[in-house]
Amino acid sequence: MENFFLWWSVVSTLIGVILLCFSIWQYKDGKNQSDKIRAQVKVWMQEANGLSEALRRIVSDNLEKRYSTTDDVCNAVWALQISAFSLYQSLYEERCVTEEEYKARQKKIADMIDAEQTKQVK
């Protein structure tokens, strides 16, 4: 009977040590994930701030008559649209899409761009 309790205490101690190591690993992994998310949010905030400042600059330049045609304004806005879409896509991928869905969506976008370019060439 004493051997049973000895082995029971050894086994339970080993299980406790394994669970402690697993808990420490989970804590560190969670902290790393939290740090990664904070870093991503900072990048997204900077990107959004850059878009905001660029839009203010377009308005300011337009009021000061720095654009010679409406095409100049359109080109400036078009350049910002690319950055805005990039920010949207980053946020969307982080929250809503699995890897397979993302790849399918990228292929669909590439096909649409190819079709649009082919239509413009004709």
PDB file of N, CA and C in Angstrom:
ATOM      1  N   MET A   1       0.815  -1.193   0.000  1.00  0.00           N
ATOM      2  CA  MET A   1       0.000   0.000   0.000  1.00  0.00           C
ATOM      3  C   MET A   1       0.857   1.254   0.000  1.00  0.00           C
ATOM      4  N   GLU A   2       1.992   1.192   0.699  1.00  0.00           N
ATOM      5  CA  GLU A   2       2.880   2.356   0.720  1.00  0.00           C
ATOM      6  C   GLU A   2       3.473   2.615  -0.662  1.00  0.00           C
ATOM      7  N   ASN A   3       3.757   1.551  -1.410  1.00  0.00           N
ATOM      8  CA  ASN A   3       4.284   1.722  -2.768  1.00  0.00           C
ATOM      9  C   ASN A   3       3.278   2.444  -3.668  1.00  0.00           C
ATOM     10  N   PHE A   4       2.014   2.104  -3.467  1.00  0.00           N
ATOM     11  CA  PHE A   4       0.980   2.763  -4.266  1.00  0.00           C
ATOM     12  C   PHE A   4       0.972   4.269  -4.020  1.00  0.00           C
ATOM     13  N   PHE A   5       1.015   4.680  -2.757  1.00  0.00           N
ATOM     14  CA  PHE A   5       1.008   6.106  -2.439  1.00  0.00           C
ATOM     15  C   PHE A   5       2.283   6.795  -2.911  1.00  0.00           C
ATOM     16  N   LEU A   6       3.413   6.081  -2.845  1.00  0.00           N
ATOM     17  CA  LEU A   6       4.673   6.640  -3.340  1.00  0.00           C
ATOM     18  C   LEU A   6       4.584   6.899  -4.845  1.00  0.00           C
ATOM     19  N   TRP A   7       4.115   5.890  -5.575  1.00  0.00           N
ATOM     20  CA  TRP A   7       3.995   6.055  -7.027  1.00  0.00           C
ATOM     21  C   TRP A   7       2.934   7.102  -7.378  1.00  0.00           C
ATOM     22  N   TRP A   8       1.873   7.100  -6.603  1.00  0.00           N
ATOM     23  CA  TRP A   8       0.829   8.101  -6.843  1.00  0.00           C
ATOM     24  C   TRP A   8       1.373   9.516  -6.671  1.00  0.00           C
ATOM     25  N   SER A   9       2.173   9.750  -5.635  1.00  0.00           N
ATOM     26  CA  SER A   9       2.746  11.079  -5.419  1.00  0.00           C
ATOM     27  C   SER A   9       3.760  11.431  -6.506  1.00  0.00           C
ATOM     28  N   VAL A  10       4.530  10.456  -6.977  1.00  0.00           N
ATOM     29  CA  VAL A  10       5.491  10.704  -8.060  1.00  0.00           C
ATOM     30  C   VAL A  10       4.747  11.067  -9.345  1.00  0.00           C
ATOM     31  N   VAL A  11       3.748  10.295  -9.687  1.00  0.00           N
ATOM     32  CA  VAL A  11       2.979  10.544 -10.918  1.00  0.00           C
ATOM     33  C   VAL A  11       2.259  11.884 -10.831  1.00  0.00           C
ATOM     34  N   SER A  12       1.630  12.170  -9.702  1.00  0.00           N
ATOM     35  CA  SER A  12       0.906  13.436  -9.581  1.00  0.00           C
ATOM     36  C   SER A  12       1.869  14.625  -9.605  1.00  0.00           C
ATOM     37  N   THR A  13       3.064  14.469  -9.039  1.00  0.00           N
ATOM     38  CA  THR A  13       4.070  15.538  -9.103  1.00  0.00           C
ATOM     39  C   THR A  13       4.515  15.773 -10.540  1.00  0.00           C
ATOM     40  N   LEU A  14       4.752  14.694 -11.284  1.00  0.00           N
ATOM     41  CA  LEU A  14       5.141  14.837 -12.695  1.00  0.00           C
ATOM     42  C   LEU A  14       4.044  15.513 -13.510  1.00  0.00           C
ATOM     43  N   ILE A  15       2.811  15.107 -13.274  1.00  0.00           N
ATOM     44  CA  ILE A  15       1.699  15.734 -13.987  1.00  0.00           C
ATOM     45  C   ILE A  15       1.613  17.214 -13.626  1.00  0.00           C
ATOM     46  N   GLY A  16       1.799  17.546 -12.359  1.00  0.00           N
ATOM     47  CA  GLY A  16       1.787  18.942 -11.929  1.00  0.00           C
ATOM     48  C   GLY A  16       2.884  19.759 -12.590  1.00  0.00           C
ATOM     49  N   VAL A  17       4.100  19.198 -12.699  1.00  0.00           N
ATOM     50  CA  VAL A  17       5.210  19.897 -13.350  1.00  0.00           C
ATOM     51  C   VAL A  17       4.918  20.099 -14.833  1.00  0.00           C
ATOM     52  N   ILE A  18       4.358  19.075 -15.475  1.00  0.00           N
ATOM     53  CA  ILE A  18       4.023  19.189 -16.906  1.00  0.00           C
ATOM     54  C   ILE A  18       2.960  20.269 -17.108  1.00  0.00           C
ATOM     55  N   LEU A  19       1.941  20.269 -16.258  1.00  0.00           N
ATOM     56  CA  LEU A  19       0.893  21.297 -16.376  1.00  0.00           C
ATOM     57  C   LEU A  19       1.441  22.693 -16.091  1.00  0.00           C
ATOM     58  N   LEU A  20       2.378  22.807 -15.146  1.00  0.00           N
ATOM     59  CA  LEU A  20       3.007  24.098 -14.861  1.00  0.00           C
ATOM     60  C   LEU A  20       3.774  24.594 -16.084  1.00  0.00           C
ATOM     61  N   CYS A  21       4.551  23.710 -16.710  1.00  0.00           N
ATOM     62  CA  CYS A  21       5.304  24.100 -17.918  1.00  0.00           C
ATOM     63  C   CYS A  21       4.357  24.515 -19.038  1.00  0.00           C
ATOM     64  N   PHE A  22       3.275  23.777 -19.209  1.00  0.00           N
ATOM     65  CA  PHE A  22       2.293  24.103 -20.237  1.00  0.00           C
ATOM     66  C   PHE A  22       1.654  25.460 -19.957  1.00  0.00           C
ATOM     67  N   SER A  23       1.348  25.743 -18.708  1.00  0.00           N
ATOM     68  CA  SER A  23       0.752  27.030 -18.330  1.00  0.00           C
ATOM     69  C   SER A  23       1.714  28.180 -18.604  1.00  0.00           C
ATOM     70  N   ILE A  24       2.981  27.992 -18.291  1.00  0.00           N
ATOM     71  CA  ILE A  24       3.988  29.021 -18.564  1.00  0.00           C
ATOM     72  C   ILE A  24       4.093  29.255 -20.069  1.00  0.00           C
ATOM     73  N   TRP A  25       4.094  28.177 -20.848  1.00  0.00           N
ATOM     74  CA  TRP A  25       4.177  28.307 -22.308  1.00  0.00           C
ATOM     75  C   TRP A  25       2.958  29.066 -22.845  1.00  0.00           C
ATOM     76  N   GLN A  26       1.764  28.734 -22.336  1.00  0.00           N
ATOM     77  CA  GLN A  26       0.561  29.433 -22.783  1.00  0.00           C
ATOM     78  C   GLN A  26       0.607  30.916 -22.423  1.00  0.00           C
ATOM     79  N   TYR A  27       1.101  31.228 -21.252  1.00  0.00           N
ATOM     80  CA  TYR A  27       1.207  32.625 -20.827  1.00  0.00           C
ATOM     81  C   TYR A  27       2.128  33.396 -21.768  1.00  0.00           C
ATOM     82  N   LYS A  28       3.304  32.821 -22.059  1.00  0.00           N
ATOM     83  CA  LYS A  28       4.254  33.507 -22.942  1.00  0.00           C
ATOM     84  C   LYS A  28       3.695  33.647 -24.351  1.00  0.00           C
ATOM     85  N   ASP A  29       3.029  32.598 -24.829  1.00  0.00           N
ATOM     86  CA  ASP A  29       2.444  32.658 -26.163  1.00  0.00           C
ATOM     87  C   ASP A  29       1.358  33.724 -26.227  1.00  0.00           C
ATOM     88  N   GLY A  30       0.528  33.800 -25.204  1.00  0.00           N
ATOM     89  CA  GLY A  30      -0.514  34.825 -25.149  1.00  0.00           C
ATOM     90  C   GLY A  30       0.064  36.222 -25.093  1.00  0.00           C
ATOM     91  N   LYS A  31       1.138  36.397 -24.347  1.00  0.00           N
ATOM     92  CA  LYS A  31       1.800  37.703 -24.254  1.00  0.00           C
ATOM     93  C   LYS A  31       2.396  38.089 -25.599  1.00  0.00           C
ATOM     94  N   ASN A  32       3.032  37.130 -26.283  1.00  0.00           N
ATOM     95  CA  ASN A  32       3.590  37.415 -27.610  1.00  0.00           C
ATOM     96  C   ASN A  32       2.488  37.788 -28.592  1.00  0.00           C
ATOM     97  N   GLN A  33       1.367  37.084 -28.524  1.00  0.00           N
ATOM     98  CA  GLN A  33       0.236  37.390 -29.407  1.00  0.00           C
ATOM     99  C   GLN A  33      -0.307  38.785 -29.113  1.00  0.00           C
ATOM    100  N   SER A  34      -0.397  39.120 -27.845  1.00  0.00           N
ATOM    101  CA  SER A  34      -0.877  40.442 -27.453  1.00  0.00           C
ATOM    102  C   SER A  34       0.067  41.535 -27.963  1.00  0.00           C
ATOM    103  N   ASP A  35       1.362  41.312 -27.840  1.00  0.00           N
ATOM    104  CA  ASP A  35       2.350  42.274 -28.344  1.00  0.00           C
ATOM    105  C   ASP A  35       2.247  42.421 -29.855  1.00  0.00           C
ATOM    106  N   LYS A  36       2.028  41.313 -30.545  1.00  0.00           N
ATOM    107  CA  LYS A  36       1.889  41.347 -32.006  1.00  0.00           C
ATOM    108  C   LYS A  36       0.662  42.164 -32.411  1.00  0.00           C
ATOM    109  N   ILE A  37      -0.445  41.951 -31.717  1.00  0.00           N
ATOM    110  CA  ILE A  37      -1.673  42.690 -32.033  1.00  0.00           C
ATOM    111  C   ILE A  37      -1.479  44.180 -31.772  1.00  0.00           C
ATOM    112  N   ARG A  38      -0.824  44.522 -30.656  1.00  0.00           N
ATOM    113  CA  ARG A  38      -0.553  45.940 -30.363  1.00  0.00           C
ATOM    114  C   ARG A  38       0.291  46.573 -31.463  1.00  0.00           C
ATOM    115  N   ALA A  39       1.305  45.849 -31.919  1.00  0.00           N
ATOM    116  CA  ALA A  39       2.163  46.374 -32.981  1.00  0.00           C
ATOM    117  C   ALA A  39       1.368  46.571 -34.271  1.00  0.00           C
ATOM    118  N   GLN A  40       0.487  45.612 -34.603  1.00  0.00           N
ATOM    119  CA  GLN A  40      -0.334  45.749 -35.802  1.00  0.00           C
ATOM    120  C   GLN A  40      -1.269  46.952 -35.689  1.00  0.00           C
ATOM    121  N   VAL A  41      -1.861  47.131 -34.537  1.00  0.00           N
ATOM    122  CA  VAL A  41      -2.776  48.260 -34.340  1.00  0.00           C
ATOM    123  C   VAL A  41      -2.029  49.579 -34.507  1.00  0.00           C
ATOM    124  N   LYS A  42      -0.796  49.662 -34.002  1.00  0.00           N
ATOM    125  CA  LYS A  42      -0.004  50.886 -34.163  1.00  0.00           C
ATOM    126  C   LYS A  42       0.259  51.159 -35.642  1.00  0.00           C
ATOM    127  N   VAL A  43       0.575  50.127 -36.405  1.00  0.00           N
ATOM    128  CA  VAL A  43       0.799  50.303 -37.844  1.00  0.00           C
ATOM    129  C   VAL A  43      -0.477  50.779 -38.513  1.00  0.00           C
ATOM    130  N   TRP A  44      -1.608  50.173 -38.169  1.00  0.00           N
ATOM    131  CA  TRP A  44      -2.880  50.572 -38.764  1.00  0.00           C
ATOM    132  C   TRP A  44      -3.234  52.006 -38.397  1.00  0.00           C
ATOM    133  N   MET A  45      -2.969  52.393 -37.172  1.00  0.00           N
ATOM    134  CA  MET A  45      -3.249  53.773 -36.760  1.00  0.00           C
ATOM    135  C   MET A  45      -2.381  54.749 -37.544  1.00  0.00           C
ATOM    136  N   GLN A  46      -1.120  54.427 -37.749  1.00  0.00           N
ATOM    137  CA  GLN A  46      -0.244  55.294 -38.526  1.00  0.00           C
ATOM    138  C   GLN A  46      -0.706  55.390 -39.976  1.00  0.00           C
ATOM    139  N   GLU A  47      -1.142  54.260 -40.521  1.00  0.00           N
ATOM    140  CA  GLU A  47      -1.642  54.267 -41.901  1.00  0.00           C
ATOM    141  C   GLU A  47      -2.890  55.131 -42.015  1.00  0.00           C
ATOM    142  N   ALA A  48      -3.811  54.991 -41.073  1.00  0.00           N
ATOM    143  CA  ALA A  48      -5.032  55.807 -41.086  1.00  0.00           C
ATOM    144  C   ALA A  48      -4.690  57.283 -40.907  1.00  0.00           C
ATOM    145  N   ASN A  49      -3.749  57.592 -40.044  1.00  0.00           N
ATOM    146  CA  ASN A  49      -3.322  58.975 -39.852  1.00  0.00           C
ATOM    147  C   ASN A  49      -2.695  59.525 -41.134  1.00  0.00           C
ATOM    148  N   GLY A  50      -1.893  58.714 -41.811  1.00  0.00           N
ATOM    149  CA  GLY A  50      -1.305  59.144 -43.076  1.00  0.00           C
ATOM    150  C   GLY A  50      -2.358  59.441 -44.126  1.00  0.00           C
ATOM    151  N   LEU A  51      -3.379  58.602 -44.200  1.00  0.00           N
ATOM    152  CA  LEU A  51      -4.476  58.848 -45.140  1.00  0.00           C
ATOM    153  C   LEU A  51      -5.203  60.142 -44.800  1.00  0.00           C
ATOM    154  N   SER A  52      -5.445  60.362 -43.532  1.00  0.00           N
ATOM    155  CA  SER A  52      -6.115  61.586 -43.098  1.00  0.00           C
ATOM    156  C   SER A  52      -5.300  62.816 -43.472  1.00  0.00           C
ATOM    157  N   GLU A  53      -4.016  62.778 -43.203  1.00  0.00           N
ATOM    158  CA  GLU A  53      -3.155  63.920 -43.529  1.00  0.00           C
ATOM    159  C   GLU A  53      -3.078  64.148 -45.038  1.00  0.00           C
ATOM    160  N   ALA A  54      -3.036  63.077 -45.802  1.00  0.00           N
ATOM    161  CA  ALA A  54      -2.987  63.207 -47.262  1.00  0.00           C
ATOM    162  C   ALA A  54      -4.267  63.843 -47.794  1.00  0.00           C
ATOM    163  N   LEU A  55      -5.411  63.451 -47.245  1.00  0.00           N
ATOM    164  CA  LEU A  55      -6.672  64.063 -47.672  1.00  0.00           C
ATOM    165  C   LEU A  55      -6.711  65.548 -47.323  1.00  0.00           C
ATOM    166  N   ARG A  56      -6.230  65.894 -46.142  1.00  0.00           N
ATOM    167  CA  ARG A  56      -6.153  67.315 -45.775  1.00  0.00           C
ATOM    168  C   ARG A  56      -5.251  68.073 -46.737  1.00  0.00           C
ATOM    169  N   ARG A  57      -4.164  67.443 -47.130  1.00  0.00           N
ATOM    170  CA  ARG A  57      -3.224  68.099 -48.054  1.00  0.00           C
ATOM    171  C   ARG A  57      -3.869  68.316 -49.421  1.00  0.00           C
ATOM    172  N   ILE A  58      -4.636  67.345 -49.879  1.00  0.00           N
ATOM    173  CA  ILE A  58      -5.321  67.508 -51.164  1.00  0.00           C
ATOM    174  C   ILE A  58      -6.293  68.678 -51.091  1.00  0.00           C
ATOM    175  N   VAL A  59      -7.065  68.763 -50.020  1.00  0.00           N
ATOM    176  CA  VAL A  59      -8.014  69.869 -49.859  1.00  0.00           C
ATOM    177  C   VAL A  59      -7.260  71.195 -49.810  1.00  0.00           C
ATOM    178  N   SER A  60      -6.197  71.246 -49.036  1.00  0.00           N
ATOM    179  CA  SER A  60      -5.410  72.470 -48.904  1.00  0.00           C
ATOM    180  C   SER A  60      -4.812  72.890 -50.249  1.00  0.00           C
ATOM    181  N   ASP A  61      -4.230  71.933 -50.946  1.00  0.00           N
ATOM    182  CA  ASP A  61      -3.646  72.247 -52.260  1.00  0.00           C
ATOM    183  C   ASP A  61      -4.708  72.711 -53.252  1.00  0.00           C
ATOM    184  N   ASN A  62      -5.887  72.104 -53.184  1.00  0.00           N
ATOM    185  CA  ASN A  62      -6.957  72.512 -54.081  1.00  0.00           C
ATOM    186  C   ASN A  62      -7.414  73.934 -53.767  1.00  0.00           C
ATOM    187  N   LEU A  63      -7.538  74.266 -52.488  1.00  0.00           N
ATOM    188  CA  LEU A  63      -7.962  75.617 -52.113  1.00  0.00           C
ATOM    189  C   LEU A  63      -6.921  76.662 -52.508  1.00  0.00           C
ATOM    190  N   GLU A  64      -5.668  76.274 -52.533  1.00  0.00           N
ATOM    191  CA  GLU A  64      -4.599  77.194 -52.912  1.00  0.00           C
ATOM    192  C   GLU A  64      -4.322  77.162 -54.414  1.00  0.00           C
ATOM    193  N   LYS A  65      -5.199  76.487 -55.158  1.00  0.00           N
ATOM    194  CA  LYS A  65      -5.124  76.425 -56.629  1.00  0.00           C
ATOM    195  C   LYS A  65      -3.801  75.829 -57.118  1.00  0.00           C
ATOM    196  N   ARG A  66      -3.322  74.794 -56.439  1.00  0.00           N
ATOM    197  CA  ARG A  66      -2.078  74.142 -56.861  1.00  0.00           C
ATOM    198  C   ARG A  66      -2.311  73.079 -57.923  1.00  0.00           C
ATOM    199  N   TYR A  67      -3.553  72.685 -58.116  1.00  0.00           N
ATOM    200  CA  TYR A  67      -3.860  71.706 -59.157  1.00  0.00           C
ATOM    201  C   TYR A  67      -4.294  72.454 -60.407  1.00  0.00           C
ATOM    202  N   SER A  68      -3.736  72.049 -61.545  1.00  0.00           N
ATOM    203  CA  SER A  68      -4.082  72.750 -62.778  1.00  0.00           C
ATOM    204  C   SER A  68      -5.350  72.187 -63.423  1.00  0.00           C
ATOM    205  N   THR A  69      -5.626  70.904 -63.199  1.00  0.00           N
ATOM    206  CA  THR A  69      -6.831  70.304 -63.771  1.00  0.00           C
ATOM    207  C   THR A  69      -7.475  69.382 -62.735  1.00  0.00           C
ATOM    208  N   THR A  70      -8.694  68.983 -63.042  1.00  0.00           N
ATOM    209  CA  THR A  70      -9.350  68.026 -62.149  1.00  0.00           C
ATOM    210  C   THR A  70      -8.668  66.658 -62.207  1.00  0.00           C
ATOM    211  N   ASP A  71      -7.993  66.383 -63.320  1.00  0.00           N
ATOM    212  CA  ASP A  71      -7.254  65.118 -63.418  1.00  0.00           C
ATOM    213  C   ASP A  71      -6.160  65.030 -62.353  1.00  0.00           C
ATOM    214  N   ASP A  72      -5.535  66.163 -62.029  1.00  0.00           N
ATOM    215  CA  ASP A  72      -4.513  66.160 -60.982  1.00  0.00           C
ATOM    216  C   ASP A  72      -5.110  65.761 -59.631  1.00  0.00           C
ATOM    217  N   VAL A  73      -6.276  66.302 -59.333  1.00  0.00           N
ATOM    218  CA  VAL A  73      -6.955  65.966 -58.078  1.00  0.00           C
ATOM    219  C   VAL A  73      -7.343  64.489 -58.100  1.00  0.00           C
ATOM    220  N   CYS A  74      -7.870  64.031 -59.212  1.00  0.00           N
ATOM    221  CA  CYS A  74      -8.279  62.626 -59.331  1.00  0.00           C
ATOM    222  C   CYS A  74      -7.089  61.685 -59.132  1.00  0.00           C
ATOM    223  N   ASN A  75      -5.953  62.033 -59.705  1.00  0.00           N
ATOM    224  CA  ASN A  75      -4.762  61.201 -59.546  1.00  0.00           C
ATOM    225  C   ASN A  75      -4.302  61.157 -58.081  1.00  0.00           C
ATOM    226  N   ALA A  76      -4.389  62.271 -57.397  1.00  0.00           N
ATOM    227  CA  ALA A  76      -4.004  62.307 -55.984  1.00  0.00           C
ATOM    228  C   ALA A  76      -4.943  61.439 -55.149  1.00  0.00           C
ATOM    229  N   VAL A  77      -6.237  61.547 -55.429  1.00  0.00           N
ATOM    230  CA  VAL A  77      -7.213  60.732 -54.695  1.00  0.00           C
ATOM    231  C   VAL A  77      -7.033  59.254 -55.038  1.00  0.00           C
ATOM    232  N   TRP A  78      -6.767  58.958 -56.277  1.00  0.00           N
ATOM    233  CA  TRP A  78      -6.564  57.576 -56.710  1.00  0.00           C
ATOM    234  C   TRP A  78      -5.369  56.954 -55.982  1.00  0.00           C
ATOM    235  N   ALA A  79      -4.307  57.715 -55.807  1.00  0.00           N
ATOM    236  CA  ALA A  79      -3.135  57.221 -55.086  1.00  0.00           C
ATOM    237  C   ALA A  79      -3.499  56.904 -53.629  1.00  0.00           C
ATOM    238  N   LEU A  80      -4.339  57.713 -53.017  1.00  0.00           N
ATOM    239  CA  LEU A  80      -4.767  57.453 -51.640  1.00  0.00           C
ATOM    240  C   LEU A  80      -5.699  56.255 -51.558  1.00  0.00           C
ATOM    241  N   GLN A  81      -6.486  56.032 -52.593  1.00  0.00           N
ATOM    242  CA  GLN A  81      -7.403  54.902 -52.575  1.00  0.00           C
ATOM    243  C   GLN A  81      -6.640  53.600 -52.441  1.00  0.00           C
ATOM    244  N   ILE A  82      -5.484  53.505 -53.044  1.00  0.00           N
ATOM    245  CA  ILE A  82      -4.669  52.292 -52.957  1.00  0.00           C
ATOM    246  C   ILE A  82      -4.253  52.044 -51.509  1.00  0.00           C
ATOM    247  N   SER A  83      -3.828  53.090 -50.827  1.00  0.00           N
ATOM    248  CA  SER A  83      -3.442  52.941 -49.423  1.00  0.00           C
ATOM    249  C   SER A  83      -4.646  52.609 -48.549  1.00  0.00           C
ATOM    250  N   ALA A  84      -5.775  53.227 -48.829  1.00  0.00           N
ATOM    251  CA  ALA A  84      -6.985  52.948 -48.057  1.00  0.00           C
ATOM    252  C   ALA A  84      -7.420  51.498 -48.242  1.00  0.00           C
ATOM    253  N   PHE A  85      -7.343  51.007 -49.471  1.00  0.00           N
ATOM    254  CA  PHE A  85      -7.707  49.620 -49.731  1.00  0.00           C
ATOM    255  C   PHE A  85      -6.747  48.672 -49.025  1.00  0.00           C
ATOM    256  N   SER A  86      -5.478  49.017 -49.015  1.00  0.00           N
ATOM    257  CA  SER A  86      -4.479  48.204 -48.324  1.00  0.00           C
ATOM    258  C   SER A  86      -4.790  48.111 -46.832  1.00  0.00           C
ATOM    259  N   LEU A  87      -5.145  49.228 -46.232  1.00  0.00           N
ATOM    260  CA  LEU A  87      -5.512  49.240 -44.814  1.00  0.00           C
ATOM    261  C   LEU A  87      -6.769  48.409 -44.586  1.00  0.00           C
ATOM    262  N   TYR A  88      -7.765  48.585 -45.424  1.00  0.00           N
ATOM    263  CA  TYR A  88      -8.996  47.804 -45.323  1.00  0.00           C
ATOM    264  C   TYR A  88      -8.699  46.312 -45.408  1.00  0.00           C
ATOM    265  N   GLN A  89      -7.880  45.947 -46.381  1.00  0.00           N
ATOM    266  CA  GLN A  89      -7.569  44.542 -46.589  1.00  0.00           C
ATOM    267  C   GLN A  89      -6.829  43.956 -45.386  1.00  0.00           C
ATOM    268  N   SER A  90      -5.910  44.696 -44.810  1.00  0.00           N
ATOM    269  CA  SER A  90      -5.189  44.226 -43.634  1.00  0.00           C
ATOM    270  C   SER A  90      -6.134  43.985 -42.465  1.00  0.00           C
ATOM    271  N   LEU A  91      -7.025  44.919 -42.231  1.00  0.00           N
ATOM    272  CA  LEU A  91      -7.989  44.770 -41.142  1.00  0.00           C
ATOM    273  C   LEU A  91      -8.952  43.615 -41.408  1.00  0.00           C
ATOM    274  N   TYR A  92      -9.391  43.485 -42.637  1.00  0.00           N
ATOM    275  CA  TYR A  92     -10.313  42.425 -43.004  1.00  0.00           C
ATOM    276  C   TYR A  92      -9.677  41.056 -42.811  1.00  0.00           C
ATOM    277  N   GLU A  93      -8.433  40.918 -43.277  1.00  0.00           N
ATOM    278  CA  GLU A  93      -7.733  39.647 -43.150  1.00  0.00           C
ATOM    279  C   GLU A  93      -7.521  39.275 -41.694  1.00  0.00           C
ATOM    280  N   GLU A  94      -7.231  40.243 -40.871  1.00  0.00           N
ATOM    281  CA  GLU A  94      -6.964  39.969 -39.457  1.00  0.00           C
ATOM    282  C   GLU A  94      -8.202  39.460 -38.734  1.00  0.00           C
ATOM    283  N   ARG A  95      -9.363  39.958 -39.110  1.00  0.00           N
ATOM    284  CA  ARG A  95     -10.572  39.652 -38.349  1.00  0.00           C
ATOM    285  C   ARG A  95     -11.520  38.651 -38.999  1.00  0.00           C
ATOM    286  N   CYS A  96     -11.531  38.568 -40.332  1.00  0.00           N
ATOM    287  CA  CYS A  96     -12.657  37.896 -40.973  1.00  0.00           C
ATOM    288  C   CYS A  96     -12.322  36.718 -41.881  1.00  0.00           C
ATOM    289  N   VAL A  97     -11.075  36.500 -42.235  1.00  0.00           N
ATOM    290  CA  VAL A  97     -10.794  35.591 -43.333  1.00  0.00           C
ATOM    291  C   VAL A  97      -9.817  34.494 -42.923  1.00  0.00           C
ATOM    292  N   THR A  98     -10.098  33.279 -43.393  1.00  0.00           N
ATOM    293  CA  THR A  98      -9.126  32.202 -43.237  1.00  0.00           C
ATOM    294  C   THR A  98      -8.121  32.301 -44.387  1.00  0.00           C
ATOM    295  N   GLU A  99      -7.048  31.568 -44.288  1.00  0.00           N
ATOM    296  CA  GLU A  99      -6.003  31.616 -45.314  1.00  0.00           C
ATOM    297  C   GLU A  99      -6.531  31.194 -46.687  1.00  0.00           C
ATOM    298  N   GLU A 100      -7.357  30.147 -46.724  1.00  0.00           N
ATOM    299  CA  GLU A 100      -7.899  29.662 -48.002  1.00  0.00           C
ATOM    300  C   GLU A 100      -8.832  30.705 -48.622  1.00  0.00           C
ATOM    301  N   GLU A 101      -9.672  31.311 -47.792  1.00  0.00           N
ATOM    302  CA  GLU A 101     -10.570  32.349 -48.295  1.00  0.00           C
ATOM    303  C   GLU A 101      -9.782  33.542 -48.820  1.00  0.00           C
ATOM    304  N   TYR A 102      -8.701  33.891 -48.121  1.00  0.00           N
ATOM    305  CA  TYR A 102      -7.869  35.011 -48.548  1.00  0.00           C
ATOM    306  C   TYR A 102      -7.254  34.727 -49.919  1.00  0.00           C
ATOM    307  N   LYS A 103      -6.722  33.531 -50.111  1.00  0.00           N
ATOM    308  CA  LYS A 103      -6.116  33.185 -51.401  1.00  0.00           C
ATOM    309  C   LYS A 103      -7.148  33.205 -52.517  1.00  0.00           C
ATOM    310  N   ALA A 104      -8.332  32.691 -52.252  1.00  0.00           N
ATOM    311  CA  ALA A 104      -9.396  32.706 -53.264  1.00  0.00           C
ATOM    312  C   ALA A 104      -9.786  34.140 -53.604  1.00  0.00           C
ATOM    313  N   ARG A 105      -9.865  34.992 -52.590  1.00  0.00           N
ATOM    314  CA  ARG A 105     -10.216  36.394 -52.818  1.00  0.00           C
ATOM    315  C   ARG A 105      -9.126  37.101 -53.634  1.00  0.00           C
ATOM    316  N   GLN A 106      -7.864  36.840 -53.323  1.00  0.00           N
ATOM    317  CA  GLN A 106      -6.766  37.451 -54.069  1.00  0.00           C
ATOM    318  C   GLN A 106      -6.803  37.017 -55.536  1.00  0.00           C
ATOM    319  N   LYS A 107      -7.104  35.742 -55.771  1.00  0.00           N
ATOM    320  CA  LYS A 107      -7.196  35.257 -57.149  1.00  0.00           C
ATOM    321  C   LYS A 107      -8.346  35.942 -57.874  1.00  0.00           C
ATOM    322  N   LYS A 108      -9.481  36.104 -57.190  1.00  0.00           N
ATOM    323  CA  LYS A 108     -10.638  36.773 -57.791  1.00  0.00           C
ATOM    324  C   LYS A 108     -10.300  38.221 -58.138  1.00  0.00           C
ATOM    325  N   ILE A 109      -9.614  38.917 -57.224  1.00  0.00           N
ATOM    326  CA  ILE A 109      -9.216  40.313 -57.473  1.00  0.00           C
ATOM    327  C   ILE A 109      -8.258  40.387 -58.659  1.00  0.00           C
ATOM    328  N   ALA A 110      -7.287  39.472 -58.700  1.00  0.00           N
ATOM    329  CA  ALA A 110      -6.335  39.461 -59.819  1.00  0.00           C
ATOM    330  C   ALA A 110      -7.054  39.204 -61.138  1.00  0.00           C
ATOM    331  N   ASP A 111      -8.026  38.295 -61.142  1.00  0.00           N
ATOM    332  CA  ASP A 111      -8.798  38.022 -62.360  1.00  0.00           C
ATOM    333  C   ASP A 111      -9.596  39.249 -62.793  1.00  0.00           C
ATOM    334  N   MET A 112     -10.184  39.965 -61.820  1.00  0.00           N
ATOM    335  CA  MET A 112     -10.942  41.171 -62.143  1.00  0.00           C
ATOM    336  C   MET A 112     -10.031  42.245 -62.733  1.00  0.00           C
ATOM    337  N   ILE A 113      -8.844  42.401 -62.173  1.00  0.00           N
ATOM    338  CA  ILE A 113      -7.889  43.395 -62.687  1.00  0.00           C
ATOM    339  C   ILE A 113      -7.459  43.029 -64.102  1.00  0.00           C
ATOM    340  N   ASP A 114      -7.179  41.738 -64.321  1.00  0.00           N
ATOM    341  CA  ASP A 114      -6.793  41.283 -65.655  1.00  0.00           C
ATOM    342  C   ASP A 114      -7.908  41.554 -66.665  1.00  0.00           C
ATOM    343  N   ALA A 115      -9.148  41.257 -66.284  1.00  0.00           N
ATOM    344  CA  ALA A 115     -10.294  41.496 -67.176  1.00  0.00           C
ATOM    345  C   ALA A 115     -10.452  42.983 -67.474  1.00  0.00           C
ATOM    346  N   GLU A 116     -10.280  43.815 -66.454  1.00  0.00           N
ATOM    347  CA  GLU A 116     -10.404  45.273 -66.636  1.00  0.00           C
ATOM    348  C   GLU A 116      -9.301  45.806 -67.560  1.00  0.00           C
ATOM    349  N   GLN A 117      -8.084  45.323 -67.372  1.00  0.00           N
ATOM    350  CA  GLN A 117      -6.980  45.764 -68.222  1.00  0.00           C
ATOM    351  C   GLN A 117      -7.165  45.308 -69.658  1.00  0.00           C
ATOM    352  N   THR A 118      -7.670  44.097 -69.830  1.00  0.00           N
ATOM    353  CA  THR A 118      -7.935  43.589 -71.171  1.00  0.00           C
ATOM    354  C   THR A 118      -9.011  44.417 -71.850  1.00  0.00           C
ATOM    355  N   LYS A 119     -10.049  44.813 -71.091  1.00  0.00           N
ATOM    356  CA  LYS A 119     -11.138  45.621 -71.629  1.00  0.00           C
ATOM    357  C   LYS A 119     -10.616  46.997 -72.027  1.00  0.00           C
ATOM    358  N   GLN A 120      -9.696  47.582 -71.237  1.00  0.00           N
ATOM    359  CA  GLN A 120      -9.173  48.906 -71.534  1.00  0.00           C
ATOM    360  C   GLN A 120      -8.253  48.886 -72.745  1.00  0.00           C
ATOM    361  N   VAL A 121      -7.560  47.790 -72.978  1.00  0.00           N
ATOM    362  CA  VAL A 121      -6.639  47.688 -74.117  1.00  0.00           C
ATOM    363  C   VAL A 121      -7.415  47.620 -75.427  1.00  0.00           C
ATOM    364  N   LYS A 122      -8.575  46.959 -75.405  1.00  0.00           N
ATOM    365  CA  LYS A 122      -9.373  46.788 -76.620  1.00  0.00           C
ATOM    366  C   LYS A 122     -10.000  48.061 -76.997  1.00  0.00           C
TER     367      LYS A 122
END
